[in-house]
Amino acid sequence: MAREYRSAQARGADPVLAVMDATGHSRRGSLRLIGQARDAGFLSPRRARR
């Protein structure tokens, strides 16, 4: 899932749509998976923590 996200990002495509296509989840479910991947360290944090 993180691989699809990063690949789409590199192509300039919408990474959330790529995750949706790869997993079959809804947008909300895909965003949850992306958040879990960030928490687990597979993806970089969305923004710098203050």
C-alpha atoms as a PDB file:
ATOM      1  CA  MET A   1       0.000   0.000   0.000  1.00  0.00           C
ATOM      2  CA  ALA A   2       2.808   2.419   0.848  1.00  0.00           C
ATOM      3  CA  ARG A   3       4.472   1.404  -2.424  1.00  0.00           C
ATOM      4  CA  GLU A   4       1.388   2.399  -4.426  1.00  0.00           C
ATOM      5  CA  TYR A   5       1.142   5.674  -2.499  1.00  0.00           C
ATOM      6  CA  ARG A   6       4.761   6.649  -3.191  1.00  0.00           C
ATOM      7  CA  SER A   7       4.580   5.520  -6.822  1.00  0.00           C
ATOM      8  CA  ALA A   8       1.510   7.669  -7.470  1.00  0.00           C
ATOM      9  CA  GLN A   9       3.137  10.599  -5.706  1.00  0.00           C
ATOM     10  CA  ALA A  10       6.225  10.288  -7.913  1.00  0.00           C
ATOM     11  CA  ARG A  11       4.030  10.216 -11.064  1.00  0.00           C
ATOM     12  CA  GLY A  12       2.132  13.295  -9.928  1.00  0.00           C
ATOM     13  CA  ALA A  13      -1.097  11.294  -9.563  1.00  0.00           C
ATOM     14  CA  ASP A  14      -3.445  11.326  -6.569  1.00  0.00           C
ATOM     15  CA  PRO A  15      -1.908   8.883  -4.045  1.00  0.00           C
ATOM     16  CA  VAL A  16      -5.222   8.385  -2.229  1.00  0.00           C
ATOM     17  CA  LEU A  17      -6.874   7.232  -5.467  1.00  0.00           C
ATOM     18  CA  ALA A  18      -3.972   4.836  -6.046  1.00  0.00           C
ATOM     19  CA  VAL A  19      -4.496   3.330  -2.592  1.00  0.00           C
ATOM     20  CA  MET A  20      -8.244   3.118  -3.232  1.00  0.00           C
ATOM     21  CA  ASP A  21      -7.628   1.223  -6.482  1.00  0.00           C
ATOM     22  CA  ALA A  22      -5.050  -1.095  -4.900  1.00  0.00           C
ATOM     23  CA  THR A  23      -7.072  -1.964  -1.804  1.00  0.00           C
ATOM     24  CA  GLY A  24     -10.689  -1.608  -2.918  1.00  0.00           C
ATOM     25  CA  HIS A  25     -11.443   0.554   0.121  1.00  0.00           C
ATOM     26  CA  SER A  26     -13.475   3.744   0.064  1.00  0.00           C
ATOM     27  CA  ARG A  27     -11.729   7.103   0.247  1.00  0.00           C
ATOM     28  CA  ARG A  28     -12.318   7.234   3.996  1.00  0.00           C
ATOM     29  CA  GLY A  29     -10.981   3.704   4.492  1.00  0.00           C
ATOM     30  CA  SER A  30      -7.954   4.465   2.344  1.00  0.00           C
ATOM     31  CA  LEU A  31      -7.198   7.604   4.331  1.00  0.00           C
ATOM     32  CA  ARG A  32      -7.366   5.527   7.499  1.00  0.00           C
ATOM     33  CA  LEU A  33      -4.897   3.011   6.034  1.00  0.00           C
ATOM     34  CA  ILE A  34      -2.575   5.822   4.966  1.00  0.00           C
ATOM     35  CA  GLY A  35      -2.703   7.268   8.488  1.00  0.00           C
ATOM     36  CA  GLN A  36      -1.860   3.862   9.943  1.00  0.00           C
ATOM     37  CA  ALA A  37       1.054   3.518   7.522  1.00  0.00           C
ATOM     38  CA  ARG A  38       2.327   6.941   8.623  1.00  0.00           C
ATOM     39  CA  ASP A  39       2.026   5.969  12.293  1.00  0.00           C
ATOM     40  CA  ALA A  40       3.933   2.736  11.606  1.00  0.00           C
ATOM     41  CA  GLY A  41       6.717   4.675   9.857  1.00  0.00           C
ATOM     42  CA  PHE A  42       6.109   3.368   6.322  1.00  0.00           C
ATOM     43  CA  LEU A  43       5.268   6.865   5.064  1.00  0.00           C
ATOM     44  CA  SER A  44       6.664  10.225   6.086  1.00  0.00           C
ATOM     45  CA  PRO A  45       4.586  12.399   8.429  1.00  0.00           C
ATOM     46  CA  ARG A  46       2.007  14.592   6.706  1.00  0.00           C
ATOM     47  CA  ARG A  47       3.430  17.769   8.183  1.00  0.00           C
ATOM     48  CA  ALA A  48       6.107  18.746  10.654  1.00  0.00           C
ATOM     49  CA  ARG A  49       5.082  18.317  14.261  1.00  0.00           C
ATOM     50  CA  ARG A  50       5.403  21.367  16.453  1.00  0.00           C
END
